Amino acid sequence: MGAMLDLSRLRALHAVGVHGSVSAAAIALGYTPSAVSQQIAKLERETRTTLLERQGRGVVLTDAAQHLAATAQQLLAIVERAETSLEERRGRPTGRLVIGAFPTAARGLMPAVLARLAAEHPALDARLVEVDPHLSVDLAAQGVIDLAVAHDWDIAPLPAPDGLRRAAIGDDLCDVLVPVGHPLAGRGTLRRDDLPGQRWICQPPGTVCHDWLVRTLRASGHEPDLAYQAAENHTQIALVAAGLGIALMPRMGRGPLPEEVRAVPLEPVPVRRLYALWREGAARRPAITETVAVLGEEWTRRAAAA
């Protein structure tokens, strides 16, 4: 029975169930896909049970595996409470801390945060996984990651499941990016009434930024012309630089703009709010409290420099 409940194998099974594929689970756990597959294979041999079934390009857990994964989640929660208690007694951040952050935060904020944690807390093994903001919240709730850095917009609040705590990190302001030869490029500021009739470059449907843009323009009585959809900010900037349309983009992680692109402030300013979220059971863990503090301090330092 002890072998059946090997924690690392249960953790692997739980991660595959959450992510829907071995490769995605491997990224979240910091392992190679072959290592995750080996853990699942060992668990199947020990339980004499088929745990994974192919479905399309991914895999799904069998009924037996779902029961086992539910047990795994309970055991992982118990282990987390024990680790939190030990770390709290030591009084300093230790152990592994997996942080999930959305792409522009991973690029624009997390390098400074991770470097500072590494320098100030050598006993802490802080790791980063780049994930969609809504997905990161679910992963934190399910115990796959320890801390989520997520965002929402003023008209689209971020839902947080029960059992999670959150702390505000800061507000990320947005500008309208226009080609240098565009009629709007010379304006000091823009208002939302200036935006109808434009060809937009934006993120794909289902993303927070896309939903905000569509809802905002529709609220002003206009259906947006979403001519180009690209997930990466740098791709959107390249499309703006080519004179193909305009884009609404947050400042964090945007990087220097090419000379063919102008950033024009929009009034009222669209605000993207950043949060740190973590499970109630780990709230007293020094690694969590220190990382949340560093996130806030680095955001303030970054804002002052900007």
C-alpha atoms as a PDB file:
ATOM      1  CA  MET A   1       0.000   0.000   0.000  1.00  0.00           C
ATOM      2  CA  GLY A   2       2.881   2.356   0.772  1.00  0.00           C
ATOM      3  CA  ALA A   3       4.167   2.040  -2.808  1.00  0.00           C
ATOM      4  CA  MET A   4       0.663   2.650  -4.178  1.00  0.00           C
ATOM      5  CA  LEU A   5       0.555   5.999  -2.452  1.00  0.00           C
ATOM      6  CA  ASP A   6       4.025   7.195  -3.410  1.00  0.00           C
ATOM      7  CA  LEU A   7       3.589  10.963  -3.211  1.00  0.00           C
ATOM      8  CA  SER A   8       5.646  11.901  -6.265  1.00  0.00           C
ATOM      9  CA  ARG A   9       3.644   9.493  -8.449  1.00  0.00           C
ATOM     10  CA  LEU A  10       0.343  10.766  -7.093  1.00  0.00           C
ATOM     11  CA  ARG A  11       1.523  14.325  -7.705  1.00  0.00           C
ATOM     12  CA  ALA A  12       2.287  13.417 -11.317  1.00  0.00           C
ATOM     13  CA  LEU A  13      -1.140  11.810 -11.784  1.00  0.00           C
ATOM     14  CA  HIS A  14      -2.864  14.821 -10.253  1.00  0.00           C
ATOM     15  CA  ALA A  15      -0.964  17.213 -12.542  1.00  0.00           C
ATOM     16  CA  VAL A  16      -1.859  15.191 -15.658  1.00  0.00           C
ATOM     17  CA  GLY A  17      -5.510  15.282 -14.633  1.00  0.00           C
ATOM     18  CA  VAL A  18      -5.405  19.059 -14.159  1.00  0.00           C
ATOM     19  CA  HIS A  19      -3.478  19.870 -17.353  1.00  0.00           C
ATOM     20  CA  GLY A  20      -4.880  17.235 -19.694  1.00  0.00           C
ATOM     21  CA  SER A  21      -1.530  16.078 -21.072  1.00  0.00           C
ATOM     22  CA  VAL A  22       1.742  14.604 -19.898  1.00  0.00           C
ATOM     23  CA  SER A  23       3.795  17.380 -21.514  1.00  0.00           C
ATOM     24  CA  ALA A  24       1.790  20.166 -19.841  1.00  0.00           C
ATOM     25  CA  ALA A  25       1.989  18.383 -16.491  1.00  0.00           C
ATOM     26  CA  ALA A  26       5.757  18.068 -16.933  1.00  0.00           C
ATOM     27  CA  ILE A  27       6.089  21.826 -17.479  1.00  0.00           C
ATOM     28  CA  ALA A  28       4.075  22.570 -14.358  1.00  0.00           C
ATOM     29  CA  LEU A  29       6.058  20.111 -12.235  1.00  0.00           C
ATOM     30  CA  GLY A  30       9.474  21.050 -13.611  1.00  0.00           C
ATOM     31  CA  TYR A  31      10.121  17.513 -14.898  1.00  0.00           C
ATOM     32  CA  THR A  32      10.674  16.037 -18.350  1.00  0.00           C
ATOM     33  CA  PRO A  33       7.658  14.405 -20.045  1.00  0.00           C
ATOM     34  CA  SER A  34       9.436  11.037 -19.928  1.00  0.00           C
ATOM     35  CA  ALA A  35       9.866  11.353 -16.153  1.00  0.00           C
ATOM     36  CA  VAL A  36       6.148  12.024 -15.710  1.00  0.00           C
ATOM     37  CA  SER A  37       5.289   9.097 -17.998  1.00  0.00           C
ATOM     38  CA  GLN A  38       7.554   6.829 -15.954  1.00  0.00           C
ATOM     39  CA  GLN A  39       5.866   7.893 -12.724  1.00  0.00           C
ATOM     40  CA  ILE A  40       2.429   7.145 -14.179  1.00  0.00           C
ATOM     41  CA  ALA A  41       3.612   3.801 -15.565  1.00  0.00           C
ATOM     42  CA  LYS A  42       4.968   2.774 -12.158  1.00  0.00           C
ATOM     43  CA  LEU A  43       1.694   3.786 -10.538  1.00  0.00           C
ATOM     44  CA  GLU A  44      -0.249   1.726 -13.084  1.00  0.00           C
ATOM     45  CA  ARG A  45       1.908  -1.335 -12.388  1.00  0.00           C
ATOM     46  CA  GLU A  46       1.605  -0.950  -8.626  1.00  0.00           C
ATOM     47  CA  THR A  47      -2.156  -0.454  -8.707  1.00  0.00           C
ATOM     48  CA  ARG A  48      -2.703  -2.962 -11.545  1.00  0.00           C
ATOM     49  CA  THR A  49      -5.009  -0.341 -13.028  1.00  0.00           C
ATOM     50  CA  THR A  50      -5.149   1.609 -16.281  1.00  0.00           C
ATOM     51  CA  LEU A  51      -4.946   5.261 -15.276  1.00  0.00           C
ATOM     52  CA  LEU A  52      -4.751   7.184 -18.557  1.00  0.00           C
ATOM     53  CA  GLU A  53      -6.747   6.961 -21.781  1.00  0.00           C
ATOM     54  CA  ARG A  54      -5.992   8.745 -25.038  1.00  0.00           C
ATOM     55  CA  GLN A  55      -8.458  11.403 -26.154  1.00  0.00           C
ATOM     56  CA  GLY A  56      -7.557  13.370 -29.250  1.00  0.00           C
ATOM     57  CA  ARG A  57      -4.072  14.795 -28.784  1.00  0.00           C
ATOM     58  CA  GLY A  58      -4.238  14.600 -25.014  1.00  0.00           C
ATOM     59  CA  VAL A  59      -5.102  12.102 -22.313  1.00  0.00           C
ATOM     60  CA  VAL A  60      -7.873  11.786 -19.767  1.00  0.00           C
ATOM     61  CA  LEU A  61      -7.933  10.045 -16.423  1.00  0.00           C
ATOM     62  CA  THR A  62      -9.932   6.829 -16.166  1.00  0.00           C
ATOM     63  CA  ASP A  63     -12.615   6.586 -13.478  1.00  0.00           C
ATOM     64  CA  ALA A  64     -10.182   4.750 -11.209  1.00  0.00           C
ATOM     65  CA  ALA A  65      -7.533   7.397 -11.819  1.00  0.00           C
ATOM     66  CA  GLN A  66      -9.966  10.187 -10.966  1.00  0.00           C
ATOM     67  CA  HIS A  67     -10.618   8.604  -7.572  1.00  0.00           C
ATOM     68  CA  LEU A  68      -6.885   8.235  -7.050  1.00  0.00           C
ATOM     69  CA  ALA A  69      -6.262  11.837  -8.118  1.00  0.00           C
ATOM     70  CA  ALA A  70      -8.879  13.054  -5.632  1.00  0.00           C
ATOM     71  CA  THR A  71      -7.039  11.152  -2.906  1.00  0.00           C
ATOM     72  CA  ALA A  72      -3.788  12.659  -4.160  1.00  0.00           C
ATOM     73  CA  GLN A  73      -5.198  16.177  -3.805  1.00  0.00           C
ATOM     74  CA  GLN A  74      -6.166  15.467  -0.191  1.00  0.00           C
ATOM     75  CA  LEU A  75      -2.730  14.019   0.593  1.00  0.00           C
ATOM     76  CA  LEU A  76      -0.961  16.942  -1.071  1.00  0.00           C
ATOM     77  CA  ALA A  77      -3.013  19.337   1.062  1.00  0.00           C
ATOM     78  CA  ILE A  78      -1.947  17.456   4.212  1.00  0.00           C
ATOM     79  CA  VAL A  79       1.692  17.557   3.117  1.00  0.00           C
ATOM     80  CA  GLU A  80       1.374  21.283   2.379  1.00  0.00           C
ATOM     81  CA  ARG A  81       0.066  21.956   5.887  1.00  0.00           C
ATOM     82  CA  ALA A  82       2.947  19.965   7.387  1.00  0.00           C
ATOM     83  CA  GLU A  83       5.531  21.772   5.261  1.00  0.00           C
ATOM     84  CA  THR A  84       3.966  25.131   6.102  1.00  0.00           C
ATOM     85  CA  SER A  85       4.163  24.321   9.810  1.00  0.00           C
ATOM     86  CA  LEU A  86       7.830  23.295   9.571  1.00  0.00           C
ATOM     87  CA  GLU A  87       8.760  26.346   7.522  1.00  0.00           C
ATOM     88  CA  GLU A  88       6.876  28.605   9.915  1.00  0.00           C
ATOM     89  CA  ARG A  89       8.845  27.163  12.834  1.00  0.00           C
ATOM     90  CA  ARG A  90      12.099  27.873  10.998  1.00  0.00           C
ATOM     91  CA  GLY A  91      10.907  31.429  10.448  1.00  0.00           C
ATOM     92  CA  ARG A  92      12.423  31.836   6.982  1.00  0.00           C
ATOM     93  CA  PRO A  93      11.501  30.935   3.392  1.00  0.00           C
ATOM     94  CA  THR A  94      12.651  27.422   2.471  1.00  0.00           C
ATOM     95  CA  GLY A  95      11.757  24.602   0.112  1.00  0.00           C
ATOM     96  CA  ARG A  96      10.260  24.717  -3.374  1.00  0.00           C
ATOM     97  CA  LEU A  97       7.852  27.467  -4.419  1.00  0.00           C
ATOM     98  CA  VAL A  98       6.232  27.208  -7.855  1.00  0.00           C
ATOM     99  CA  ILE A  99       4.909  30.533  -9.156  1.00  0.00           C
ATOM    100  CA  GLY A 100       2.553  30.722 -12.125  1.00  0.00           C
ATOM    101  CA  ALA A 101       2.510  34.066 -13.961  1.00  0.00           C
ATOM    102  CA  PHE A 102       0.874  35.310 -17.148  1.00  0.00           C
ATOM    103  CA  PRO A 103       3.273  36.085 -20.027  1.00  0.00           C
ATOM    104  CA  THR A 104       3.830  39.843 -19.658  1.00  0.00           C
ATOM    105  CA  ALA A 105       4.286  39.513 -15.886  1.00  0.00           C
ATOM    106  CA  ALA A 106       6.689  36.617 -16.477  1.00  0.00           C
ATOM    107  CA  ARG A 107       8.706  38.934 -18.723  1.00  0.00           C
ATOM    108  CA  GLY A 108       8.216  42.354 -17.139  1.00  0.00           C
ATOM    109  CA  LEU A 109       8.111  41.634 -13.394  1.00  0.00           C
ATOM    110  CA  MET A 110       9.195  38.131 -12.456  1.00  0.00           C
ATOM    111  CA  PRO A 111      12.900  38.263 -13.449  1.00  0.00           C
ATOM    112  CA  ALA A 112      13.573  40.949 -10.828  1.00  0.00           C
ATOM    113  CA  VAL A 113      11.417  39.161  -8.243  1.00  0.00           C
ATOM    114  CA  LEU A 114      13.071  35.777  -8.775  1.00  0.00           C
ATOM    115  CA  ALA A 115      16.581  37.251  -8.782  1.00  0.00           C
ATOM    116  CA  ARG A 116      15.915  39.028  -5.495  1.00  0.00           C
ATOM    117  CA  LEU A 117      14.436  35.915  -3.876  1.00  0.00           C
ATOM    118  CA  ALA A 118      17.468  33.897  -4.985  1.00  0.00           C
ATOM    119  CA  ALA A 119      19.873  36.484  -3.560  1.00  0.00           C
ATOM    120  CA  GLU A 120      18.085  37.060  -0.249  1.00  0.00           C
ATOM    121  CA  HIS A 121      16.767  33.541   0.469  1.00  0.00           C
ATOM    122  CA  PRO A 122      19.199  30.878  -0.762  1.00  0.00           C
ATOM    123  CA  ALA A 123      17.225  28.097   0.990  1.00  0.00           C
ATOM    124  CA  LEU A 124      14.188  28.913  -1.155  1.00  0.00           C
ATOM    125  CA  ASP A 125      13.878  27.144  -4.519  1.00  0.00           C
ATOM    126  CA  ALA A 126      11.549  29.540  -6.381  1.00  0.00           C
ATOM    127  CA  ARG A 127      10.406  28.357  -9.823  1.00  0.00           C
ATOM    128  CA  LEU A 128       8.353  29.954 -12.585  1.00  0.00           C
ATOM    129  CA  VAL A 129       5.669  28.580 -14.911  1.00  0.00           C
ATOM    130  CA  GLU A 130       4.183  30.872 -17.572  1.00  0.00           C
ATOM    131  CA  VAL A 131       0.413  30.330 -17.769  1.00  0.00           C
ATOM    132  CA  ASP A 132      -2.812  32.098 -18.711  1.00  0.00           C
ATOM    133  CA  PRO A 133      -4.127  34.256 -15.809  1.00  0.00           C
ATOM    134  CA  HIS A 134      -7.412  32.388 -15.437  1.00  0.00           C
ATOM    135  CA  LEU A 135      -5.694  29.020 -15.637  1.00  0.00           C
ATOM    136  CA  SER A 136      -3.125  30.033 -13.009  1.00  0.00           C
ATOM    137  CA  VAL A 137      -5.891  30.760 -10.496  1.00  0.00           C
ATOM    138  CA  ASP A 138      -7.335  27.264 -10.968  1.00  0.00           C
ATOM    139  CA  LEU A 139      -3.873  25.711 -10.719  1.00  0.00           C
ATOM    140  CA  ALA A 140      -3.268  27.496  -7.421  1.00  0.00           C
ATOM    141  CA  ALA A 141      -6.637  26.328  -6.075  1.00  0.00           C
ATOM    142  CA  GLN A 142      -5.848  22.742  -7.103  1.00  0.00           C
ATOM    143  CA  GLY A 143      -2.386  22.790  -5.534  1.00  0.00           C
ATOM    144  CA  VAL A 144      -0.455  22.378  -8.787  1.00  0.00           C
ATOM    145  CA  ILE A 145       1.313  25.714  -8.235  1.00  0.00           C
ATOM    146  CA  ASP A 146       1.931  27.495  -4.939  1.00  0.00           C
ATOM    147  CA  LEU A 147       1.361  31.104  -5.972  1.00  0.00           C
ATOM    148  CA  ALA A 148      -0.414  32.684  -8.944  1.00  0.00           C
ATOM    149  CA  VAL A 149       0.331  36.107 -10.418  1.00  0.00           C
ATOM    150  CA  ALA A 150      -2.852  36.937 -12.323  1.00  0.00           C
ATOM    151  CA  HIS A 151      -4.663  39.996 -13.635  1.00  0.00           C
ATOM    152  CA  ASP A 152      -8.080  41.349 -14.449  1.00  0.00           C
ATOM    153  CA  TRP A 153      -9.586  44.516 -15.917  1.00  0.00           C
ATOM    154  CA  ASP A 154     -11.891  47.064 -14.323  1.00  0.00           C
ATOM    155  CA  ILE A 155     -14.931  45.812 -16.265  1.00  0.00           C
ATOM    156  CA  ALA A 156     -14.041  42.105 -16.004  1.00  0.00           C
ATOM    157  CA  PRO A 157     -13.174  41.204 -12.373  1.00  0.00           C
ATOM    158  CA  LEU A 158     -11.135  38.063 -11.790  1.00  0.00           C
ATOM    159  CA  PRO A 159     -13.164  35.317 -10.067  1.00  0.00           C
ATOM    160  CA  ALA A 160     -11.279  33.616  -7.243  1.00  0.00           C
ATOM    161  CA  PRO A 161     -12.390  30.171  -6.014  1.00  0.00           C
ATOM    162  CA  ASP A 162     -13.079  29.546  -2.346  1.00  0.00           C
ATOM    163  CA  GLY A 163      -9.975  28.660  -0.367  1.00  0.00           C
ATOM    164  CA  LEU A 164      -7.729  31.235  -2.048  1.00  0.00           C
ATOM    165  CA  ARG A 165      -6.370  34.448  -0.614  1.00  0.00           C
ATOM    166  CA  ARG A 166      -5.354  37.382  -2.778  1.00  0.00           C
ATOM    167  CA  ALA A 167      -3.267  40.528  -2.455  1.00  0.00           C
ATOM    168  CA  ALA A 168      -3.153  43.439  -4.882  1.00  0.00           C
ATOM    169  CA  ILE A 169       0.251  43.953  -6.505  1.00  0.00           C
ATOM    170  CA  GLY A 170      -0.432  47.088  -8.560  1.00  0.00           C
ATOM    171  CA  ASP A 171      -2.191  48.647 -11.540  1.00  0.00           C
ATOM    172  CA  ASP A 172      -0.826  48.316 -15.070  1.00  0.00           C
ATOM    173  CA  LEU A 173      -1.889  51.154 -17.378  1.00  0.00           C
ATOM    174  CA  CYS A 174      -2.654  50.721 -21.082  1.00  0.00           C
ATOM    175  CA  ASP A 175      -2.037  52.830 -24.200  1.00  0.00           C
ATOM    176  CA  VAL A 176      -3.291  52.746 -27.770  1.00  0.00           C
ATOM    177  CA  LEU A 177      -0.480  51.784 -30.154  1.00  0.00           C
ATOM    178  CA  VAL A 178      -0.770  53.389 -33.593  1.00  0.00           C
ATOM    179  CA  PRO A 179       1.475  53.490 -36.686  1.00  0.00           C
ATOM    180  CA  VAL A 180       3.620  56.639 -36.803  1.00  0.00           C
ATOM    181  CA  GLY A 181       1.842  57.884 -39.936  1.00  0.00           C
ATOM    182  CA  HIS A 182      -1.650  57.267 -38.570  1.00  0.00           C
ATOM    183  CA  PRO A 183      -4.006  60.268 -38.140  1.00  0.00           C
ATOM    184  CA  LEU A 184      -4.212  59.532 -34.392  1.00  0.00           C
ATOM    185  CA  ALA A 185      -0.417  59.397 -33.914  1.00  0.00           C
ATOM    186  CA  GLY A 186      -0.033  63.111 -33.266  1.00  0.00           C
ATOM    187  CA  ARG A 187      -2.735  63.329 -30.605  1.00  0.00           C
ATOM    188  CA  GLY A 188      -1.751  63.979 -26.993  1.00  0.00           C
ATOM    189  CA  THR A 189      -4.538  61.758 -25.688  1.00  0.00           C
ATOM    190  CA  LEU A 190      -7.401  59.753 -27.146  1.00  0.00           C
ATOM    191  CA  ARG A 191     -10.931  59.223 -25.971  1.00  0.00           C
ATOM    192  CA  ARG A 192     -13.054  56.179 -26.628  1.00  0.00           C
ATOM    193  CA  ASP A 193     -15.157  58.168 -29.107  1.00  0.00           C
ATOM    194  CA  ASP A 194     -12.016  58.404 -31.292  1.00  0.00           C
ATOM    195  CA  LEU A 195     -11.757  54.636 -31.700  1.00  0.00           C
ATOM    196  CA  PRO A 196     -14.745  53.498 -33.829  1.00  0.00           C
ATOM    197  CA  GLY A 197     -13.967  52.670 -37.456  1.00  0.00           C
ATOM    198  CA  GLN A 198     -10.416  51.504 -36.743  1.00  0.00           C
ATOM    199  CA  ARG A 199      -8.949  48.141 -37.745  1.00  0.00           C
ATOM    200  CA  TRP A 200      -7.847  46.465 -34.527  1.00  0.00           C
ATOM    201  CA  ILE A 201      -4.948  44.177 -33.733  1.00  0.00           C
ATOM    202  CA  CYS A 202      -5.707  42.197 -30.576  1.00  0.00           C
ATOM    203  CA  GLN A 203      -5.378  38.928 -28.715  1.00  0.00           C
ATOM    204  CA  PRO A 204      -7.571  35.926 -29.660  1.00  0.00           C
ATOM    205  CA  PRO A 205     -11.055  35.408 -28.168  1.00  0.00           C
ATOM    206  CA  GLY A 206     -11.184  33.993 -24.656  1.00  0.00           C
ATOM    207  CA  THR A 207      -8.351  36.154 -23.361  1.00  0.00           C
ATOM    208  CA  VAL A 208      -8.941  38.904 -20.830  1.00  0.00           C
ATOM    209  CA  CYS A 209      -7.485  41.614 -23.107  1.00  0.00           C
ATOM    210  CA  HIS A 210      -9.675  40.572 -26.061  1.00  0.00           C
ATOM    211  CA  ASP A 211     -12.816  40.492 -23.937  1.00  0.00           C
ATOM    212  CA  TRP A 212     -12.060  43.916 -22.447  1.00  0.00           C
ATOM    213  CA  LEU A 213     -11.573  45.499 -25.884  1.00  0.00           C
ATOM    214  CA  VAL A 214     -14.767  44.037 -27.322  1.00  0.00           C
ATOM    215  CA  ARG A 215     -16.902  44.924 -24.313  1.00  0.00           C
ATOM    216  CA  THR A 216     -15.523  48.465 -24.089  1.00  0.00           C
ATOM    217  CA  LEU A 217     -16.106  49.292 -27.748  1.00  0.00           C
ATOM    218  CA  ARG A 218     -19.536  47.690 -27.787  1.00  0.00           C
ATOM    219  CA  ALA A 219     -20.475  49.722 -24.692  1.00  0.00           C
ATOM    220  CA  SER A 220     -19.810  52.866 -26.746  1.00  0.00           C
ATOM    221  CA  GLY A 221     -22.229  51.597 -29.406  1.00  0.00           C
ATOM    222  CA  HIS A 222     -19.723  50.288 -31.947  1.00  0.00           C
ATOM    223  CA  GLU A 223     -18.855  46.784 -33.119  1.00  0.00           C
ATOM    224  CA  PRO A 224     -15.037  46.514 -33.269  1.00  0.00           C
ATOM    225  CA  ASP A 225     -13.335  45.429 -36.491  1.00  0.00           C
ATOM    226  CA  LEU A 226     -10.896  42.792 -35.176  1.00  0.00           C
ATOM    227  CA  ALA A 227      -8.805  42.422 -38.311  1.00  0.00           C
ATOM    228  CA  TYR A 228      -5.719  40.714 -36.837  1.00  0.00           C
ATOM    229  CA  GLN A 229      -5.544  38.443 -33.809  1.00  0.00           C
ATOM    230  CA  ALA A 230      -2.222  37.420 -32.290  1.00  0.00           C
ATOM    231  CA  ALA A 231      -1.420  36.079 -28.820  1.00  0.00           C
ATOM    232  CA  GLU A 232       2.076  37.583 -28.538  1.00  0.00           C
ATOM    233  CA  ASN A 233       2.502  41.293 -27.807  1.00  0.00           C
ATOM    234  CA  HIS A 234       5.587  41.480 -30.028  1.00  0.00           C
ATOM    235  CA  THR A 235       3.561  40.119 -32.963  1.00  0.00           C
ATOM    236  CA  GLN A 236       0.880  42.746 -32.379  1.00  0.00           C
ATOM    237  CA  ILE A 237       3.528  45.485 -32.267  1.00  0.00           C
ATOM    238  CA  ALA A 238       5.023  44.226 -35.546  1.00  0.00           C
ATOM    239  CA  LEU A 239       1.588  44.398 -37.175  1.00  0.00           C
ATOM    240  CA  VAL A 240       1.103  47.957 -35.906  1.00  0.00           C
ATOM    241  CA  ALA A 241       4.567  48.895 -37.189  1.00  0.00           C
ATOM    242  CA  ALA A 242       3.566  47.598 -40.630  1.00  0.00           C
ATOM    243  CA  GLY A 243       0.675  50.083 -40.649  1.00  0.00           C
ATOM    244  CA  LEU A 244      -2.038  47.415 -40.561  1.00  0.00           C
ATOM    245  CA  GLY A 245      -4.076  48.690 -37.622  1.00  0.00           C
ATOM    246  CA  ILE A 246      -4.036  49.876 -34.015  1.00  0.00           C
ATOM    247  CA  ALA A 247      -3.802  47.978 -30.739  1.00  0.00           C
ATOM    248  CA  LEU A 248      -4.540  48.470 -27.064  1.00  0.00           C
ATOM    249  CA  MET A 249      -1.636  47.226 -24.961  1.00  0.00           C
ATOM    250  CA  PRO A 250      -0.579  47.312 -21.286  1.00  0.00           C
ATOM    251  CA  ARG A 251       2.779  48.860 -20.489  1.00  0.00           C
ATOM    252  CA  MET A 252       4.276  46.045 -18.408  1.00  0.00           C
ATOM    253  CA  GLY A 253       6.402  43.662 -20.433  1.00  0.00           C
ATOM    254  CA  ARG A 254       5.812  45.661 -23.624  1.00  0.00           C
ATOM    255  CA  GLY A 255       9.438  46.650 -24.062  1.00  0.00           C
ATOM    256  CA  PRO A 256      10.771  49.499 -26.212  1.00  0.00           C
ATOM    257  CA  LEU A 257       8.584  50.331 -29.196  1.00  0.00           C
ATOM    258  CA  PRO A 258      10.029  50.484 -32.721  1.00  0.00           C
ATOM    259  CA  GLU A 259      10.265  53.912 -34.336  1.00  0.00           C
ATOM    260  CA  GLU A 260       7.288  53.063 -36.572  1.00  0.00           C
ATOM    261  CA  VAL A 261       4.944  52.858 -33.559  1.00  0.00           C
ATOM    262  CA  ARG A 262       3.563  55.548 -31.235  1.00  0.00           C
ATOM    263  CA  ALA A 263       1.910  54.946 -27.841  1.00  0.00           C
ATOM    264  CA  VAL A 264      -0.949  57.386 -27.239  1.00  0.00           C
ATOM    265  CA  PRO A 265      -2.654  57.525 -23.798  1.00  0.00           C
ATOM    266  CA  LEU A 266      -6.368  56.767 -23.681  1.00  0.00           C
ATOM    267  CA  GLU A 267      -8.707  58.671 -21.351  1.00  0.00           C
ATOM    268  CA  PRO A 268     -10.117  57.329 -19.143  1.00  0.00           C
ATOM    269  CA  VAL A 269      -7.063  55.089 -18.831  1.00  0.00           C
ATOM    270  CA  PRO A 270      -7.764  51.340 -19.106  1.00  0.00           C
ATOM    271  CA  VAL A 271      -6.373  49.634 -16.026  1.00  0.00           C
ATOM    272  CA  ARG A 272      -5.170  46.061 -15.711  1.00  0.00           C
ATOM    273  CA  ARG A 273      -4.982  45.042 -12.050  1.00  0.00           C
ATOM    274  CA  LEU A 274      -2.369  42.544 -10.875  1.00  0.00           C
ATOM    275  CA  TYR A 275      -2.890  40.129  -7.991  1.00  0.00           C
ATOM    276  CA  ALA A 276      -1.029  37.432  -6.118  1.00  0.00           C
ATOM    277  CA  LEU A 277      -3.199  34.461  -5.114  1.00  0.00           C
ATOM    278  CA  TRP A 278      -2.381  31.506  -2.875  1.00  0.00           C
ATOM    279  CA  ARG A 279      -4.164  28.814  -0.888  1.00  0.00           C
ATOM    280  CA  GLU A 280      -5.465  29.426   2.614  1.00  0.00           C
ATOM    281  CA  GLY A 281      -3.544  26.386   3.847  1.00  0.00           C
ATOM    282  CA  ALA A 282      -0.217  27.994   2.919  1.00  0.00           C
ATOM    283  CA  ALA A 283      -1.057  31.504   4.113  1.00  0.00           C
ATOM    284  CA  ARG A 284       1.401  31.374   7.027  1.00  0.00           C
ATOM    285  CA  ARG A 285       4.242  29.946   4.965  1.00  0.00           C
ATOM    286  CA  PRO A 286       7.195  32.392   5.039  1.00  0.00           C
ATOM    287  CA  ALA A 287       7.954  31.639   1.372  1.00  0.00           C
ATOM    288  CA  ILE A 288       4.486  32.914   0.445  1.00  0.00           C
ATOM    289  CA  THR A 289       4.464  35.999   2.664  1.00  0.00           C
ATOM    290  CA  GLU A 290       7.959  37.022   1.582  1.00  0.00           C
ATOM    291  CA  THR A 291       7.281  36.475  -2.127  1.00  0.00           C
ATOM    292  CA  VAL A 292       4.054  38.503  -1.959  1.00  0.00           C
ATOM    293  CA  ALA A 293       5.966  41.313  -0.227  1.00  0.00           C
ATOM    294  CA  VAL A 294       8.736  41.227  -2.852  1.00  0.00           C
ATOM    295  CA  LEU A 295       6.162  41.287  -5.672  1.00  0.00           C
ATOM    296  CA  GLY A 296       4.663  44.480  -4.244  1.00  0.00           C
ATOM    297  CA  GLU A 297       8.041  46.103  -3.619  1.00  0.00           C
ATOM    298  CA  GLU A 298       9.372  45.291  -7.093  1.00  0.00           C
ATOM    299  CA  TRP A 299       6.181  46.597  -8.675  1.00  0.00           C
ATOM    300  CA  THR A 300       6.557  49.883  -6.750  1.00  0.00           C
ATOM    301  CA  ARG A 301      10.223  50.141  -7.729  1.00  0.00           C
ATOM    302  CA  ARG A 302       9.385  49.419 -11.368  1.00  0.00           C
ATOM    303  CA  ALA A 303       6.582  51.991 -11.391  1.00  0.00           C
ATOM    304  CA  ALA A 304       8.862  54.645  -9.885  1.00  0.00           C
ATOM    305  CA  ALA A 305      11.525  53.940 -12.509  1.00  0.00           C
ATOM    306  CA  ALA A 306       8.960  54.173 -15.304  1.00  0.00           C
END
